[in-house]
């Protein structure tokens, strides 16, 4: 019973740490808009305008968008998973989660500041549901990646009696689950998000 309580406590602490990392990333992204140079702001605005214009004109290449989404997010997914089977991956996993939260919030605040009131609807549509789903994926995978990395450290340095084979199987199942969720997210990003955005680009 005590072991179960300790395990639940450790899980809560880890989720709390990851939650704090996400909040810091979101907060940093919201305020970063006020610190970047004018040239970078113009470049970001031009990129956003080009993206929204392709959606408005109906010239968005769905095949390329889906492929790019799958490849970039898939590589990140595999990268974090591999970090979890190393003993030095924990800080990099936290940095990765921070950056994902940062990009999410910065994208939203950039759209909002450029398109003002209409930007509120564009920003919400841009990040929901696929960007929010992505953040859930990174949170879930980061939790299990750090958990597995901690188990490795306990076995290698503290000689704890832990069945790494069973935990590795579970960790691999989490990768498969996150991969399935990532495909769903890419489908939403490619087909649902542009369709929704069109309503606010008229």
N, C-alpha and C. Protein backbone atom coordinates (compact mmCIF):
# COMPACT_ATOMS: atom_id res chain seq x y z
N UNK A 1 0.83 -1.22 0.00
CA UNK A 1 0.00 0.00 0.00
C UNK A 1 0.86 1.26 0.00
N UNK A 2 1.93 1.23 0.80
CA UNK A 2 2.82 2.39 0.88
C UNK A 2 3.51 2.63 -0.45
N UNK A 3 3.90 1.52 -1.13
CA UNK A 3 4.56 1.65 -2.43
C UNK A 3 3.63 2.30 -3.46
N UNK A 4 2.35 1.91 -3.40
CA UNK A 4 1.38 2.50 -4.33
C UNK A 4 1.19 3.99 -4.07
N UNK A 5 1.15 4.36 -2.78
CA UNK A 5 1.00 5.76 -2.42
C UNK A 5 2.22 6.57 -2.86
N UNK A 6 3.40 5.99 -2.67
CA UNK A 6 4.63 6.67 -3.09
C UNK A 6 4.66 6.83 -4.61
N UNK A 7 4.19 5.80 -5.32
CA UNK A 7 4.16 5.86 -6.78
C UNK A 7 3.21 6.94 -7.27
N UNK A 8 2.03 7.01 -6.66
CA UNK A 8 1.05 8.04 -7.04
C UNK A 8 1.57 9.43 -6.73
N UNK A 9 2.26 9.56 -5.60
CA UNK A 9 2.84 10.85 -5.22
C UNK A 9 3.90 11.28 -6.22
N UNK A 10 4.75 10.34 -6.61
CA UNK A 10 5.80 10.64 -7.59
C UNK A 10 5.21 11.02 -8.94
N UNK A 11 4.12 10.34 -9.32
CA UNK A 11 3.47 10.66 -10.58
C UNK A 11 2.86 12.07 -10.54
N UNK A 12 2.24 12.39 -9.40
CA UNK A 12 1.65 13.73 -9.25
C UNK A 12 2.72 14.81 -9.30
N UNK A 13 3.85 14.54 -8.66
CA UNK A 13 4.95 15.50 -8.66
C UNK A 13 5.49 15.70 -10.07
N UNK A 14 5.62 14.60 -10.81
CA UNK A 14 6.14 14.69 -12.18
C UNK A 14 5.17 15.45 -13.07
N UNK A 15 3.88 15.16 -12.95
CA UNK A 15 2.88 15.90 -13.74
C UNK A 15 2.89 17.38 -13.35
N UNK A 16 3.10 17.67 -12.07
CA UNK A 16 3.17 19.06 -11.61
C UNK A 16 4.35 19.77 -12.24
N UNK A 17 5.50 19.10 -12.26
CA UNK A 17 6.71 19.68 -12.87
C UNK A 17 6.48 19.95 -14.35
N UNK A 18 5.91 18.98 -15.04
CA UNK A 18 5.64 19.13 -16.47
C UNK A 18 4.62 20.24 -16.72
N UNK A 19 3.62 20.33 -15.85
CA UNK A 19 2.63 21.40 -15.96
C UNK A 19 3.26 22.77 -15.79
N UNK A 20 4.19 22.88 -14.85
CA UNK A 20 4.89 24.14 -14.61
C UNK A 20 5.74 24.52 -15.83
N UNK A 21 6.40 23.51 -16.42
CA UNK A 21 7.21 23.75 -17.62
C UNK A 21 6.33 24.28 -18.75
N UNK A 22 5.14 23.68 -18.91
CA UNK A 22 4.22 24.14 -19.95
C UNK A 22 3.77 25.58 -19.68
N UNK A 23 3.43 25.87 -18.44
CA UNK A 23 2.99 27.23 -18.08
C UNK A 23 4.10 28.26 -18.33
N UNK A 24 5.33 27.89 -18.00
CA UNK A 24 6.45 28.80 -18.25
C UNK A 24 6.63 29.02 -19.75
N UNK A 25 6.49 27.93 -20.52
CA UNK A 25 6.60 28.05 -21.97
C UNK A 25 5.51 28.92 -22.57
N UNK A 26 4.27 28.72 -22.09
CA UNK A 26 3.15 29.54 -22.56
C UNK A 26 3.36 31.01 -22.18
N UNK A 27 3.75 31.25 -20.94
CA UNK A 27 3.98 32.62 -20.49
C UNK A 27 5.09 33.31 -21.24
N UNK A 28 6.18 32.58 -21.50
CA UNK A 28 7.29 33.15 -22.25
C UNK A 28 6.88 33.48 -23.67
N UNK A 29 6.09 32.59 -24.28
CA UNK A 29 5.62 32.83 -25.64
C UNK A 29 4.73 34.05 -25.75
N UNK A 30 3.91 34.27 -24.73
CA UNK A 30 3.00 35.42 -24.74
C UNK A 30 3.75 36.74 -24.67
N UNK A 31 4.83 36.78 -23.91
CA UNK A 31 5.57 38.02 -23.72
C UNK A 31 6.72 38.22 -24.71
N UNK A 32 7.09 37.15 -25.42
CA UNK A 32 8.22 37.23 -26.35
C UNK A 32 7.94 38.19 -27.48
N UNK A 33 6.67 38.35 -27.82
CA UNK A 33 6.25 39.25 -28.88
C UNK A 33 6.77 40.67 -28.66
N UNK A 34 6.92 41.07 -27.39
CA UNK A 34 7.31 42.45 -27.07
C UNK A 34 8.82 42.64 -27.09
N UNK A 35 9.59 41.57 -27.27
CA UNK A 35 11.04 41.68 -27.17
C UNK A 35 11.77 41.41 -28.49
N UNK A 36 11.08 40.87 -29.47
CA UNK A 36 11.76 40.59 -30.74
C UNK A 36 11.85 41.86 -31.58
N UNK A 37 12.80 41.86 -32.52
CA UNK A 37 13.03 43.03 -33.37
C UNK A 37 11.94 43.23 -34.41
N UNK A 38 11.92 44.42 -34.97
CA UNK A 38 10.90 44.77 -35.95
C UNK A 38 11.01 43.91 -37.21
N UNK A 39 12.24 43.64 -37.64
CA UNK A 39 12.43 42.85 -38.86
C UNK A 39 11.87 41.44 -38.70
N UNK A 40 12.10 40.85 -37.54
CA UNK A 40 11.57 39.51 -37.30
C UNK A 40 10.06 39.52 -37.24
N UNK A 41 9.49 40.57 -36.64
CA UNK A 41 8.03 40.69 -36.60
C UNK A 41 7.44 40.75 -38.00
N UNK A 42 8.08 41.55 -38.87
CA UNK A 42 7.61 41.69 -40.25
C UNK A 42 7.68 40.36 -40.98
N UNK A 43 8.78 39.63 -40.76
CA UNK A 43 8.96 38.33 -41.42
C UNK A 43 7.88 37.34 -40.97
N UNK A 44 7.60 37.32 -39.67
CA UNK A 44 6.58 36.41 -39.14
C UNK A 44 5.20 36.77 -39.68
N UNK A 45 4.92 38.08 -39.74
CA UNK A 45 3.63 38.54 -40.26
C UNK A 45 3.47 38.15 -41.72
N UNK A 46 4.55 38.29 -42.49
CA UNK A 46 4.49 37.91 -43.91
C UNK A 46 4.23 36.42 -44.08
N UNK A 47 4.85 35.62 -43.22
CA UNK A 47 4.63 34.18 -43.29
C UNK A 47 3.18 33.82 -42.95
N UNK A 48 2.64 34.49 -41.92
CA UNK A 48 1.25 34.25 -41.54
C UNK A 48 0.30 34.67 -42.66
N UNK A 49 0.56 35.85 -43.24
CA UNK A 49 -0.29 36.36 -44.31
C UNK A 49 -0.28 35.40 -45.51
N UNK A 50 0.91 34.88 -45.81
CA UNK A 50 1.02 33.95 -46.94
C UNK A 50 0.24 32.67 -46.66
N UNK A 51 0.36 32.16 -45.43
CA UNK A 51 -0.36 30.93 -45.05
C UNK A 51 -1.86 31.13 -45.14
N UNK A 52 -2.35 32.23 -44.56
CA UNK A 52 -3.79 32.49 -44.57
C UNK A 52 -4.30 32.77 -45.98
N UNK A 53 -3.45 33.39 -46.82
CA UNK A 53 -3.86 33.70 -48.19
C UNK A 53 -4.02 32.43 -49.01
N UNK A 54 -3.14 31.46 -48.80
CA UNK A 54 -3.26 30.19 -49.53
C UNK A 54 -4.54 29.45 -49.15
N UNK A 55 -4.93 29.59 -47.87
CA UNK A 55 -6.18 28.97 -47.43
C UNK A 55 -7.37 29.71 -48.05
N UNK A 56 -7.30 31.03 -48.03
CA UNK A 56 -8.38 31.85 -48.58
C UNK A 56 -8.57 31.61 -50.07
N UNK A 57 -7.44 31.46 -50.78
CA UNK A 57 -7.50 31.25 -52.23
C UNK A 57 -7.78 29.80 -52.61
N UNK A 58 -7.70 28.91 -51.62
CA UNK A 58 -7.91 27.50 -51.91
C UNK A 58 -6.73 26.86 -52.62
N UNK A 59 -5.52 27.42 -52.43
CA UNK A 59 -4.33 26.90 -53.11
C UNK A 59 -3.42 26.13 -52.17
N UNK A 60 -3.91 25.84 -50.98
CA UNK A 60 -3.09 25.08 -50.02
C UNK A 60 -2.86 23.67 -50.53
N UNK A 61 -1.59 23.26 -50.52
CA UNK A 61 -1.23 21.91 -50.95
C UNK A 61 -1.43 20.95 -49.78
N UNK A 62 -2.54 20.24 -49.78
CA UNK A 62 -2.89 19.38 -48.66
C UNK A 62 -1.90 18.22 -48.50
N UNK A 63 -1.44 17.70 -49.62
CA UNK A 63 -0.50 16.58 -49.57
C UNK A 63 0.81 16.98 -48.88
N UNK A 64 1.36 18.13 -49.29
CA UNK A 64 2.61 18.62 -48.69
C UNK A 64 2.42 18.98 -47.22
N UNK A 65 1.28 19.60 -46.93
CA UNK A 65 0.99 19.99 -45.54
C UNK A 65 0.93 18.78 -44.63
N UNK A 66 0.24 17.74 -45.08
CA UNK A 66 0.12 16.52 -44.27
C UNK A 66 1.47 15.83 -44.12
N UNK A 67 2.22 15.75 -45.22
CA UNK A 67 3.54 15.11 -45.18
C UNK A 67 4.50 15.85 -44.25
N UNK A 68 4.51 17.18 -44.35
CA UNK A 68 5.39 17.98 -43.50
C UNK A 68 5.02 17.86 -42.03
N UNK A 69 3.72 17.83 -41.76
CA UNK A 69 3.25 17.70 -40.39
C UNK A 69 3.65 16.36 -39.78
N UNK A 70 3.44 15.29 -40.55
CA UNK A 70 3.77 13.95 -40.08
C UNK A 70 5.28 13.80 -39.87
N UNK A 71 6.06 14.29 -40.84
CA UNK A 71 7.51 14.10 -40.77
C UNK A 71 8.13 14.90 -39.62
N UNK A 72 7.75 16.19 -39.49
CA UNK A 72 8.35 17.02 -38.45
C UNK A 72 7.93 16.57 -37.05
N UNK A 73 6.64 16.33 -36.87
CA UNK A 73 6.16 15.88 -35.55
C UNK A 73 6.59 14.45 -35.25
N UNK A 74 6.66 13.62 -36.31
CA UNK A 74 7.10 12.24 -36.12
C UNK A 74 8.55 12.16 -35.66
N UNK A 75 9.39 13.00 -36.23
CA UNK A 75 10.80 13.03 -35.82
C UNK A 75 10.92 13.52 -34.38
N UNK A 76 10.12 14.51 -34.02
CA UNK A 76 10.14 15.01 -32.64
C UNK A 76 9.68 13.92 -31.67
N UNK A 77 8.65 13.19 -32.08
CA UNK A 77 8.12 12.09 -31.26
C UNK A 77 9.20 11.04 -31.01
N UNK A 78 9.86 10.64 -32.08
CA UNK A 78 10.91 9.63 -31.97
C UNK A 78 12.09 10.15 -31.15
N UNK A 79 12.40 11.43 -31.32
CA UNK A 79 13.51 12.06 -30.58
C UNK A 79 13.27 12.01 -29.08
N UNK A 80 12.06 12.39 -28.66
CA UNK A 80 11.72 12.38 -27.24
C UNK A 80 11.72 10.96 -26.70
N UNK A 81 11.19 10.02 -27.48
CA UNK A 81 11.14 8.62 -27.04
C UNK A 81 12.55 8.08 -26.82
N UNK A 82 13.45 8.39 -27.73
CA UNK A 82 14.84 7.95 -27.61
C UNK A 82 15.51 8.58 -26.39
N UNK A 83 15.19 9.84 -26.14
CA UNK A 83 15.74 10.51 -24.95
C UNK A 83 15.32 9.78 -23.67
N UNK A 84 14.11 9.19 -23.72
CA UNK A 84 13.61 8.48 -22.55
C UNK A 84 14.36 7.21 -22.23
N UNK A 85 15.04 6.62 -23.22
CA UNK A 85 15.81 5.41 -22.96
C UNK A 85 17.28 5.72 -22.74
N UNK A 86 17.57 6.98 -22.45
CA UNK A 86 18.92 7.38 -22.08
C UNK A 86 18.90 7.91 -20.65
N UNK A 87 20.05 8.05 -20.07
CA UNK A 87 20.13 8.54 -18.69
C UNK A 87 20.44 10.03 -18.64
N UNK A 88 20.58 10.64 -19.81
CA UNK A 88 20.88 12.09 -19.85
C UNK A 88 19.77 12.87 -20.55
N UNK A 89 18.65 12.19 -20.82
CA UNK A 89 17.62 12.81 -21.64
C UNK A 89 16.64 13.72 -20.93
N UNK A 90 16.56 13.63 -19.60
CA UNK A 90 15.53 14.37 -18.86
C UNK A 90 15.55 15.88 -19.12
N UNK A 91 16.70 16.57 -19.00
CA UNK A 91 16.67 18.02 -19.25
C UNK A 91 16.27 18.37 -20.67
N UNK A 92 16.66 17.54 -21.65
CA UNK A 92 16.31 17.81 -23.04
C UNK A 92 14.82 17.59 -23.29
N UNK A 93 14.23 16.62 -22.59
CA UNK A 93 12.78 16.39 -22.69
C UNK A 93 12.03 17.60 -22.16
N UNK A 94 12.49 18.14 -21.05
CA UNK A 94 11.85 19.32 -20.45
C UNK A 94 11.99 20.53 -21.37
N UNK A 95 13.16 20.69 -21.97
CA UNK A 95 13.38 21.81 -22.90
C UNK A 95 12.47 21.67 -24.12
N UNK A 96 12.34 20.46 -24.62
CA UNK A 96 11.47 20.20 -25.77
C UNK A 96 10.02 20.55 -25.45
N UNK A 97 9.55 20.14 -24.28
CA UNK A 97 8.18 20.44 -23.87
C UNK A 97 7.98 21.94 -23.72
N UNK A 98 8.97 22.62 -23.14
CA UNK A 98 8.92 24.08 -23.01
C UNK A 98 8.78 24.75 -24.37
N UNK A 99 9.58 24.30 -25.34
CA UNK A 99 9.56 24.90 -26.68
C UNK A 99 8.23 24.69 -27.38
N UNK A 100 7.63 23.52 -27.19
CA UNK A 100 6.33 23.25 -27.80
C UNK A 100 5.26 24.18 -27.24
N UNK A 101 5.29 24.38 -25.93
CA UNK A 101 4.33 25.30 -25.29
C UNK A 101 4.60 26.73 -25.71
N UNK A 102 5.88 27.07 -25.84
CA UNK A 102 6.29 28.41 -26.25
C UNK A 102 5.77 28.73 -27.66
N UNK A 103 6.00 27.82 -28.59
CA UNK A 103 5.58 28.03 -29.98
C UNK A 103 4.06 28.15 -30.07
N UNK A 104 3.35 27.34 -29.30
CA UNK A 104 1.88 27.38 -29.30
C UNK A 104 1.37 28.75 -28.88
N UNK A 105 1.87 29.26 -27.75
CA UNK A 105 1.39 30.54 -27.25
C UNK A 105 1.87 31.70 -28.11
N UNK A 106 3.11 31.59 -28.63
CA UNK A 106 3.63 32.67 -29.46
C UNK A 106 2.87 32.77 -30.78
N UNK A 107 2.49 31.62 -31.34
CA UNK A 107 1.69 31.62 -32.57
C UNK A 107 0.36 32.32 -32.34
N UNK A 108 -0.26 32.01 -31.21
CA UNK A 108 -1.56 32.61 -30.90
C UNK A 108 -1.45 34.12 -30.72
N UNK A 109 -0.47 34.57 -29.93
CA UNK A 109 -0.35 36.00 -29.66
C UNK A 109 0.07 36.77 -30.92
N UNK A 110 0.83 36.13 -31.81
CA UNK A 110 1.23 36.78 -33.06
C UNK A 110 0.02 37.00 -33.96
N UNK A 111 -0.83 35.98 -34.06
CA UNK A 111 -2.05 36.11 -34.86
C UNK A 111 -2.97 37.17 -34.26
N UNK A 112 -3.08 37.16 -32.95
CA UNK A 112 -3.96 38.11 -32.27
C UNK A 112 -3.47 39.54 -32.46
N UNK A 113 -2.17 39.78 -32.32
CA UNK A 113 -1.64 41.13 -32.43
C UNK A 113 -1.69 41.64 -33.86
N UNK A 114 -1.64 40.74 -34.84
CA UNK A 114 -1.64 41.16 -36.24
C UNK A 114 -3.05 41.36 -36.79
N UNK A 115 -3.98 40.50 -36.35
CA UNK A 115 -5.34 40.55 -36.91
C UNK A 115 -6.37 41.10 -35.92
N UNK A 116 -5.90 41.50 -34.74
CA UNK A 116 -6.73 42.16 -33.74
C UNK A 116 -7.97 41.31 -33.38
N UNK A 117 -9.17 41.90 -33.45
CA UNK A 117 -10.35 41.18 -32.98
C UNK A 117 -10.59 39.91 -33.78
N UNK A 118 -10.42 40.01 -35.11
CA UNK A 118 -10.58 38.82 -35.95
C UNK A 118 -9.51 37.78 -35.61
N UNK A 119 -8.35 38.27 -35.14
CA UNK A 119 -7.26 37.38 -34.79
C UNK A 119 -7.60 36.47 -33.63
N UNK A 120 -8.54 36.89 -32.78
CA UNK A 120 -8.95 36.04 -31.67
C UNK A 120 -9.56 34.75 -32.18
N UNK A 121 -10.43 34.87 -33.17
CA UNK A 121 -11.08 33.69 -33.75
C UNK A 121 -10.10 32.89 -34.60
N UNK A 122 -9.23 33.60 -35.33
CA UNK A 122 -8.23 32.91 -36.14
C UNK A 122 -7.26 32.14 -35.25
N UNK A 123 -6.85 32.79 -34.16
CA UNK A 123 -5.90 32.16 -33.24
C UNK A 123 -6.46 30.92 -32.58
N UNK A 124 -7.70 31.03 -32.10
CA UNK A 124 -8.35 29.88 -31.46
C UNK A 124 -8.53 28.75 -32.45
N UNK A 125 -8.95 29.08 -33.68
CA UNK A 125 -9.15 28.06 -34.70
C UNK A 125 -7.83 27.43 -35.11
N UNK A 126 -6.75 28.24 -35.11
CA UNK A 126 -5.44 27.74 -35.52
C UNK A 126 -4.86 26.74 -34.51
N UNK A 127 -5.12 26.98 -33.23
CA UNK A 127 -4.52 26.10 -32.22
C UNK A 127 -5.46 24.98 -31.75
N UNK A 128 -6.76 25.11 -32.04
CA UNK A 128 -7.71 24.11 -31.57
C UNK A 128 -8.44 23.49 -32.76
N UNK A 129 -8.47 22.16 -32.87
CA UNK A 129 -8.06 21.22 -31.81
C UNK A 129 -6.65 20.64 -31.96
N UNK A 130 -6.04 20.75 -33.16
CA UNK A 130 -4.83 19.95 -33.41
C UNK A 130 -3.63 20.38 -32.57
N UNK A 131 -3.45 21.70 -32.35
CA UNK A 131 -2.30 22.15 -31.55
C UNK A 131 -2.45 21.76 -30.08
N UNK A 132 -3.67 21.81 -29.59
CA UNK A 132 -3.94 21.39 -28.21
C UNK A 132 -3.71 19.88 -28.07
N UNK A 133 -4.16 19.13 -29.08
CA UNK A 133 -3.93 17.68 -29.07
C UNK A 133 -2.44 17.38 -29.10
N UNK A 134 -1.68 18.15 -29.88
CA UNK A 134 -0.23 17.96 -29.93
C UNK A 134 0.40 18.17 -28.55
N UNK A 135 -0.07 19.21 -27.85
CA UNK A 135 0.49 19.49 -26.52
C UNK A 135 0.18 18.35 -25.55
N UNK A 136 -1.01 17.76 -25.69
CA UNK A 136 -1.37 16.59 -24.86
C UNK A 136 -0.43 15.42 -25.18
N UNK A 137 -0.13 15.24 -26.46
CA UNK A 137 0.79 14.18 -26.88
C UNK A 137 2.16 14.38 -26.25
N UNK A 138 2.68 15.62 -26.32
CA UNK A 138 4.01 15.90 -25.78
C UNK A 138 4.02 15.75 -24.26
N UNK A 139 2.94 16.12 -23.63
CA UNK A 139 2.85 15.96 -22.17
C UNK A 139 2.85 14.48 -21.79
N UNK A 140 2.04 13.69 -22.48
CA UNK A 140 1.95 12.26 -22.19
C UNK A 140 3.28 11.55 -22.43
N UNK A 141 3.87 11.81 -23.60
CA UNK A 141 5.13 11.15 -23.93
C UNK A 141 6.26 11.61 -23.01
N UNK A 142 6.29 12.89 -22.67
CA UNK A 142 7.32 13.41 -21.77
C UNK A 142 7.21 12.76 -20.40
N UNK A 143 5.98 12.57 -19.93
CA UNK A 143 5.76 11.94 -18.63
C UNK A 143 6.36 10.53 -18.60
N UNK A 144 6.05 9.74 -19.61
CA UNK A 144 6.54 8.36 -19.64
C UNK A 144 8.03 8.29 -19.99
N UNK A 145 8.50 9.23 -20.80
CA UNK A 145 9.92 9.24 -21.15
C UNK A 145 10.78 9.55 -19.93
N UNK A 146 10.37 10.55 -19.17
CA UNK A 146 11.11 10.89 -17.94
C UNK A 146 11.00 9.76 -16.92
N UNK A 147 9.81 9.18 -16.83
CA UNK A 147 9.60 8.07 -15.90
C UNK A 147 10.51 6.89 -16.22
N UNK A 148 10.63 6.57 -17.50
CA UNK A 148 11.49 5.45 -17.88
C UNK A 148 12.96 5.78 -17.67
N UNK A 149 13.32 7.02 -17.95
CA UNK A 149 14.70 7.46 -17.73
C UNK A 149 15.08 7.38 -16.25
N UNK A 150 14.15 7.76 -15.39
CA UNK A 150 14.40 7.68 -13.94
C UNK A 150 14.58 6.22 -13.51
N UNK A 151 13.79 5.32 -14.09
CA UNK A 151 13.93 3.90 -13.76
C UNK A 151 15.30 3.37 -14.18
N UNK A 152 15.77 3.82 -15.33
CA UNK A 152 17.11 3.41 -15.79
C UNK A 152 18.18 3.87 -14.80
N UNK A 153 18.04 5.11 -14.35
CA UNK A 153 19.01 5.66 -13.40
C UNK A 153 19.00 4.86 -12.10
N UNK A 154 17.80 4.50 -11.66
CA UNK A 154 17.69 3.73 -10.42
C UNK A 154 18.35 2.36 -10.54
N UNK A 155 18.19 1.74 -11.72
CA UNK A 155 18.78 0.41 -11.93
C UNK A 155 20.30 0.49 -12.06
N UNK A 156 20.78 1.47 -12.83
CA UNK A 156 22.21 1.55 -13.12
C UNK A 156 23.04 2.09 -11.96
N UNK A 157 22.48 3.07 -11.23
CA UNK A 157 23.28 3.74 -10.21
C UNK A 157 22.88 3.39 -8.78
N UNK A 158 21.63 2.97 -8.60
CA UNK A 158 21.17 2.66 -7.23
C UNK A 158 20.83 1.18 -7.06
N UNK A 159 21.07 0.40 -8.13
CA UNK A 159 20.90 -1.05 -8.10
C UNK A 159 19.51 -1.47 -7.61
N UNK A 160 18.49 -0.72 -8.04
CA UNK A 160 17.12 -1.07 -7.69
C UNK A 160 16.66 -2.27 -8.50
N UNK A 161 15.80 -3.07 -7.92
CA UNK A 161 15.27 -4.25 -8.59
C UNK A 161 14.01 -3.87 -9.37
N UNK A 162 14.20 -3.46 -10.60
CA UNK A 162 13.09 -3.02 -11.44
C UNK A 162 13.07 -3.84 -12.73
N UNK A 163 11.89 -4.31 -13.11
CA UNK A 163 11.74 -5.10 -14.33
C UNK A 163 11.67 -4.14 -15.54
N UNK A 164 12.84 -3.83 -16.07
CA UNK A 164 12.90 -2.86 -17.17
C UNK A 164 12.23 -3.38 -18.43
N UNK A 165 12.23 -4.70 -18.60
CA UNK A 165 11.62 -5.28 -19.80
C UNK A 165 10.14 -4.98 -19.87
N UNK A 166 9.45 -5.13 -18.75
CA UNK A 166 8.01 -4.85 -18.70
C UNK A 166 7.74 -3.37 -18.88
N UNK A 167 8.54 -2.53 -18.25
CA UNK A 167 8.37 -1.09 -18.38
C UNK A 167 8.67 -0.62 -19.80
N UNK A 168 9.63 -1.27 -20.44
CA UNK A 168 9.96 -0.92 -21.82
C UNK A 168 8.81 -1.26 -22.77
N UNK A 169 8.16 -2.39 -22.53
CA UNK A 169 6.99 -2.76 -23.34
C UNK A 169 5.89 -1.70 -23.20
N UNK A 170 5.65 -1.27 -21.97
CA UNK A 170 4.63 -0.25 -21.72
C UNK A 170 5.03 1.07 -22.38
N UNK A 171 6.31 1.39 -22.29
CA UNK A 171 6.83 2.62 -22.88
C UNK A 171 6.68 2.59 -24.40
N UNK A 172 6.90 1.43 -25.02
CA UNK A 172 6.73 1.28 -26.46
C UNK A 172 5.26 1.43 -26.86
N UNK A 173 4.36 0.89 -26.04
CA UNK A 173 2.92 1.05 -26.29
C UNK A 173 2.51 2.52 -26.26
N UNK A 174 3.13 3.27 -25.36
CA UNK A 174 2.85 4.71 -25.28
C UNK A 174 3.31 5.40 -26.57
N UNK A 175 4.44 4.97 -27.10
CA UNK A 175 4.92 5.53 -28.37
C UNK A 175 3.91 5.26 -29.48
N UNK A 176 3.38 4.04 -29.54
CA UNK A 176 2.39 3.68 -30.56
C UNK A 176 1.11 4.49 -30.39
N UNK A 177 0.68 4.67 -29.14
CA UNK A 177 -0.52 5.47 -28.87
C UNK A 177 -0.31 6.91 -29.30
N UNK A 178 0.83 7.48 -28.95
CA UNK A 178 1.14 8.87 -29.33
C UNK A 178 1.26 9.01 -30.84
N UNK A 179 1.78 7.97 -31.50
CA UNK A 179 1.90 8.00 -32.96
C UNK A 179 0.52 8.04 -33.60
N UNK A 180 -0.40 7.25 -33.08
CA UNK A 180 -1.77 7.25 -33.59
C UNK A 180 -2.42 8.63 -33.37
N UNK A 181 -2.22 9.19 -32.19
CA UNK A 181 -2.77 10.52 -31.89
C UNK A 181 -2.14 11.58 -32.78
N UNK A 182 -0.87 11.40 -33.10
CA UNK A 182 -0.16 12.35 -33.96
C UNK A 182 -0.71 12.33 -35.39
N UNK A 183 -1.02 11.14 -35.87
CA UNK A 183 -1.63 11.03 -37.21
C UNK A 183 -2.98 11.73 -37.23
N UNK A 184 -3.76 11.52 -36.17
CA UNK A 184 -5.06 12.19 -36.05
C UNK A 184 -4.88 13.70 -36.02
N UNK A 185 -3.88 14.17 -35.27
CA UNK A 185 -3.61 15.60 -35.18
C UNK A 185 -3.22 16.17 -36.54
N UNK A 186 -2.40 15.44 -37.29
CA UNK A 186 -1.97 15.91 -38.62
C UNK A 186 -3.15 15.97 -39.58
N UNK A 187 -4.07 15.01 -39.47
CA UNK A 187 -5.27 15.03 -40.31
C UNK A 187 -6.14 16.25 -39.99
N UNK A 188 -6.27 16.54 -38.69
CA UNK A 188 -7.05 17.71 -38.28
C UNK A 188 -6.38 19.00 -38.76
N UNK A 189 -5.06 19.04 -38.63
CA UNK A 189 -4.31 20.23 -39.06
C UNK A 189 -4.43 20.45 -40.56
N UNK A 190 -4.40 19.36 -41.32
CA UNK A 190 -4.38 19.46 -42.78
C UNK A 190 -5.76 19.74 -43.37
N UNK A 191 -6.78 19.12 -42.83
CA UNK A 191 -8.09 19.19 -43.47
C UNK A 191 -9.13 20.00 -42.68
N UNK A 192 -9.16 19.84 -41.36
CA UNK A 192 -10.18 20.54 -40.58
C UNK A 192 -9.80 21.99 -40.32
N UNK A 193 -8.55 22.22 -39.91
CA UNK A 193 -8.12 23.58 -39.56
C UNK A 193 -8.29 24.57 -40.72
N UNK A 194 -7.80 24.27 -41.94
CA UNK A 194 -8.00 25.22 -43.05
C UNK A 194 -9.47 25.46 -43.37
N UNK A 195 -10.28 24.40 -43.26
CA UNK A 195 -11.71 24.55 -43.53
C UNK A 195 -12.37 25.50 -42.53
N UNK A 196 -11.99 25.39 -41.26
CA UNK A 196 -12.54 26.28 -40.22
C UNK A 196 -12.03 27.70 -40.40
N UNK A 197 -10.73 27.82 -40.74
CA UNK A 197 -10.14 29.15 -40.88
C UNK A 197 -10.80 29.96 -42.00
N UNK A 198 -11.29 29.28 -43.00
CA UNK A 198 -11.92 29.95 -44.14
C UNK A 198 -13.10 30.82 -43.71
N UNK A 199 -13.79 30.42 -42.64
CA UNK A 199 -14.95 31.16 -42.17
C UNK A 199 -14.56 32.55 -41.65
N UNK A 200 -13.29 32.70 -41.21
CA UNK A 200 -12.85 33.98 -40.63
C UNK A 200 -11.90 34.73 -41.55
N UNK A 201 -11.74 34.23 -42.78
CA UNK A 201 -10.84 34.87 -43.74
C UNK A 201 -11.58 35.53 -44.88
N UNK A 202 -12.88 35.63 -44.75
CA UNK A 202 -13.68 36.24 -45.83
C UNK A 202 -13.56 37.75 -45.75
